[in-house]
Amino acid sequence: MRLLEMATEGAIHVGISDAIIAETQRVLLTKFGWSAERVAAAVETIGTITERAAPTEPLEIVKTDPDDNRVVECAAAAGSEFIVSGDADLLAIGGFGGITIVTAATFLAQFDDQGR
């Protein structure tokens, strides 16, 4: 919840790509059973607190879950410093090209330690 508040307040910048939006829609519809209207509203809200990134180079960094490469591609295209995730496959690689992959708790602790 705190990360969402930080993004809404502009304290952090969150990149998102078309591939991530499509995956989010698919999961909300199929895994969580949300209605199309509820998903559309969520995507609209996501659009207000994120910055669109357009990855141009496909990456194959995450061998154990190839779909997770879309997250790394987005972060690279957005010029991100961090990927904040609870995904074990992403966390296992630890980072890529100057991007550090951490849990939300680790990110928040580092953010607080730096007095941001």
C-alpha atoms as a PDB file:
ATOM      1  CA  MET A   1       0.000   0.000   0.000  1.00  0.00           C
ATOM      2  CA  ARG A   2       2.835   2.382   0.803  1.00  0.00           C
ATOM      3  CA  LEU A   3       4.377   1.916  -2.638  1.00  0.00           C
ATOM      4  CA  LEU A   4       1.045   2.807  -4.219  1.00  0.00           C
ATOM      5  CA  GLU A   5       0.852   5.944  -2.094  1.00  0.00           C
ATOM      6  CA  MET A   6       4.424   6.869  -3.010  1.00  0.00           C
ATOM      7  CA  ALA A   7       3.636   6.487  -6.712  1.00  0.00           C
ATOM      8  CA  THR A   8       0.429   8.500  -6.382  1.00  0.00           C
ATOM      9  CA  GLU A   9       2.298  11.289  -4.566  1.00  0.00           C
ATOM     10  CA  GLY A  10       5.110  11.288  -7.140  1.00  0.00           C
ATOM     11  CA  ALA A  11       7.763  10.214  -4.643  1.00  0.00           C
ATOM     12  CA  ILE A  12       8.664   7.332  -6.973  1.00  0.00           C
ATOM     13  CA  HIS A  13       8.183   6.826 -10.679  1.00  0.00           C
ATOM     14  CA  VAL A  14       6.681   3.556 -11.910  1.00  0.00           C
ATOM     15  CA  GLY A  15       7.220   2.346 -15.452  1.00  0.00           C
ATOM     16  CA  ILE A  16       4.724   0.142 -17.239  1.00  0.00           C
ATOM     17  CA  SER A  17       4.566  -1.354 -20.702  1.00  0.00           C
ATOM     18  CA  ASP A  18       1.795  -2.597 -22.944  1.00  0.00           C
ATOM     19  CA  ALA A  19       2.886  -6.192 -22.248  1.00  0.00           C
ATOM     20  CA  ILE A  20       2.557  -5.694 -18.484  1.00  0.00           C
ATOM     21  CA  ILE A  21      -0.841  -4.044 -18.863  1.00  0.00           C
ATOM     22  CA  ALA A  22      -2.049  -6.936 -21.032  1.00  0.00           C
ATOM     23  CA  GLU A  23      -0.798  -9.506 -18.498  1.00  0.00           C
ATOM     24  CA  THR A  24      -2.424  -7.578 -15.650  1.00  0.00           C
ATOM     25  CA  GLN A  25      -5.736  -7.548 -17.505  1.00  0.00           C
ATOM     26  CA  ARG A  26      -5.500 -11.264 -18.239  1.00  0.00           C
ATOM     27  CA  VAL A  27      -4.732 -12.182 -14.622  1.00  0.00           C
ATOM     28  CA  LEU A  28      -7.453  -9.978 -13.170  1.00  0.00           C
ATOM     29  CA  LEU A  29     -10.028 -11.433 -15.557  1.00  0.00           C
ATOM     30  CA  THR A  30      -9.052 -15.108 -15.443  1.00  0.00           C
ATOM     31  CA  LYS A  31      -7.359 -15.687 -12.098  1.00  0.00           C
ATOM     32  CA  PHE A  32      -9.300 -13.242  -9.944  1.00  0.00           C
ATOM     33  CA  GLY A  33     -12.583 -13.279 -11.876  1.00  0.00           C
ATOM     34  CA  TRP A  34     -12.937  -9.521 -12.105  1.00  0.00           C
ATOM     35  CA  SER A  35     -15.547  -8.099 -14.450  1.00  0.00           C
ATOM     36  CA  ALA A  36     -14.408  -6.378 -17.637  1.00  0.00           C
ATOM     37  CA  GLU A  37     -15.642  -3.065 -16.218  1.00  0.00           C
ATOM     38  CA  ARG A  38     -13.646  -3.462 -13.016  1.00  0.00           C
ATOM     39  CA  VAL A  39     -10.517  -4.387 -14.990  1.00  0.00           C
ATOM     40  CA  ALA A  40     -10.972  -1.358 -17.255  1.00  0.00           C
ATOM     41  CA  ALA A  41     -11.260   0.902 -14.203  1.00  0.00           C
ATOM     42  CA  ALA A  42      -8.113  -0.632 -12.681  1.00  0.00           C
ATOM     43  CA  VAL A  43      -6.169  -0.141 -15.915  1.00  0.00           C
ATOM     44  CA  GLU A  44      -7.324   3.479 -16.049  1.00  0.00           C
ATOM     45  CA  THR A  45      -6.125   4.038 -12.481  1.00  0.00           C
ATOM     46  CA  ILE A  46      -2.819   2.337 -13.230  1.00  0.00           C
ATOM     47  CA  GLY A  47      -2.385   4.698 -16.160  1.00  0.00           C
ATOM     48  CA  THR A  48      -2.658   7.732 -13.892  1.00  0.00           C
ATOM     49  CA  ILE A  49       0.219   6.696 -11.604  1.00  0.00           C
ATOM     50  CA  THR A  50       2.613   5.108 -14.087  1.00  0.00           C
ATOM     51  CA  GLU A  51       4.797   6.211 -16.950  1.00  0.00           C
ATOM     52  CA  ARG A  52       4.539   4.280 -20.201  1.00  0.00           C
ATOM     53  CA  ALA A  53       7.727   2.596 -21.340  1.00  0.00           C
ATOM     54  CA  ALA A  54       8.141   1.132 -24.805  1.00  0.00           C
ATOM     55  CA  PRO A  55      10.683  -1.683 -24.755  1.00  0.00           C
ATOM     56  CA  THR A  56      12.448  -2.088 -28.083  1.00  0.00           C
ATOM     57  CA  GLU A  57      14.817  -4.930 -27.288  1.00  0.00           C
ATOM     58  CA  PRO A  58      13.591  -8.386 -26.273  1.00  0.00           C
ATOM     59  CA  LEU A  59      15.547  -9.831 -23.362  1.00  0.00           C
ATOM     60  CA  GLU A  60      15.978 -13.390 -22.168  1.00  0.00           C
ATOM     61  CA  ILE A  61      17.358 -12.868 -18.689  1.00  0.00           C
ATOM     62  CA  VAL A  62      14.861 -14.890 -16.647  1.00  0.00           C
ATOM     63  CA  LYS A  63      15.264 -18.460 -17.869  1.00  0.00           C
ATOM     64  CA  THR A  64      12.943 -20.042 -15.283  1.00  0.00           C
ATOM     65  CA  ASP A  65       9.903 -17.923 -16.244  1.00  0.00           C
ATOM     66  CA  PRO A  66      10.242 -16.295 -19.675  1.00  0.00           C
ATOM     67  CA  ASP A  67       7.157 -14.094 -19.134  1.00  0.00           C
ATOM     68  CA  ASP A  68       9.088 -12.277 -16.397  1.00  0.00           C
ATOM     69  CA  ASN A  69      11.412 -10.956 -19.084  1.00  0.00           C
ATOM     70  CA  ARG A  70       8.683  -8.454 -19.992  1.00  0.00           C
ATOM     71  CA  VAL A  71       9.221  -6.842 -16.573  1.00  0.00           C
ATOM     72  CA  VAL A  72      12.973  -6.584 -17.108  1.00  0.00           C
ATOM     73  CA  GLU A  73      12.422  -5.183 -20.613  1.00  0.00           C
ATOM     74  CA  CYS A  74      10.073  -2.544 -19.225  1.00  0.00           C
ATOM     75  CA  ALA A  75      12.480  -1.559 -16.460  1.00  0.00           C
ATOM     76  CA  ALA A  76      15.353  -1.274 -18.940  1.00  0.00           C
ATOM     77  CA  ALA A  77      13.278   0.857 -21.326  1.00  0.00           C
ATOM     78  CA  ALA A  78      12.095   3.071 -18.473  1.00  0.00           C
ATOM     79  CA  GLY A  79      15.623   3.629 -17.144  1.00  0.00           C
ATOM     80  CA  SER A  80      14.623   2.153 -13.795  1.00  0.00           C
ATOM     81  CA  GLU A  81      16.954   1.802 -10.842  1.00  0.00           C
ATOM     82  CA  PHE A  82      14.827  -0.917  -9.234  1.00  0.00           C
ATOM     83  CA  ILE A  83      12.371  -3.654  -9.979  1.00  0.00           C
ATOM     84  CA  VAL A  84      10.244  -4.146  -6.880  1.00  0.00           C
ATOM     85  CA  SER A  85       8.738  -7.604  -6.872  1.00  0.00           C
ATOM     86  CA  GLY A  86       7.774 -10.589  -4.799  1.00  0.00           C
ATOM     87  CA  ASP A  87       8.359 -12.897  -7.758  1.00  0.00           C
ATOM     88  CA  ALA A  88      10.916 -15.568  -6.843  1.00  0.00           C
ATOM     89  CA  ASP A  89      12.222 -15.906 -10.406  1.00  0.00           C
ATOM     90  CA  LEU A  90      12.944 -12.183 -10.697  1.00  0.00           C
ATOM     91  CA  LEU A  91      14.413 -11.980  -7.208  1.00  0.00           C
ATOM     92  CA  ALA A  92      16.717 -14.905  -7.976  1.00  0.00           C
ATOM     93  CA  ILE A  93      18.523 -12.970 -10.715  1.00  0.00           C
ATOM     94  CA  GLY A  94      19.040 -10.030  -8.346  1.00  0.00           C
ATOM     95  CA  GLY A  95      19.564  -7.451 -11.048  1.00  0.00           C
ATOM     96  CA  PHE A  96      20.334  -6.643 -14.637  1.00  0.00           C
ATOM     97  CA  GLY A  97      22.177  -3.799 -16.335  1.00  0.00           C
ATOM     98  CA  GLY A  98      22.285  -1.547 -13.283  1.00  0.00           C
ATOM     99  CA  ILE A  99      18.734  -2.391 -12.213  1.00  0.00           C
ATOM    100  CA  THR A 100      18.465  -3.913  -8.737  1.00  0.00           C
ATOM    101  CA  ILE A 101      15.654  -6.395  -8.127  1.00  0.00           C
ATOM    102  CA  VAL A 102      14.336  -6.321  -4.549  1.00  0.00           C
ATOM    103  CA  THR A 103      11.273  -7.055  -2.464  1.00  0.00           C
ATOM    104  CA  ALA A 104       8.978  -4.223  -1.431  1.00  0.00           C
ATOM    105  CA  ALA A 105      10.271  -4.420   2.147  1.00  0.00           C
ATOM    106  CA  THR A 106      13.885  -4.110   1.012  1.00  0.00           C
ATOM    107  CA  PHE A 107      13.076  -1.228  -1.316  1.00  0.00           C
ATOM    108  CA  LEU A 108      11.196   0.657   1.382  1.00  0.00           C
ATOM    109  CA  ALA A 109      14.015   0.123   3.895  1.00  0.00           C
ATOM    110  CA  GLN A 110      16.583   1.453   1.400  1.00  0.00           C
ATOM    111  CA  PHE A 111      14.311   4.353   0.469  1.00  0.00           C
ATOM    112  CA  ASP A 112      13.915   5.295   4.146  1.00  0.00           C
ATOM    113  CA  ASP A 113      17.640   4.880   4.860  1.00  0.00           C
ATOM    114  CA  GLN A 114      18.465   7.309   2.069  1.00  0.00           C
ATOM    115  CA  GLY A 115      16.031   9.856   3.510  1.00  0.00           C
ATOM    116  CA  ARG A 116      14.065  10.165   0.321  1.00  0.00           C
END
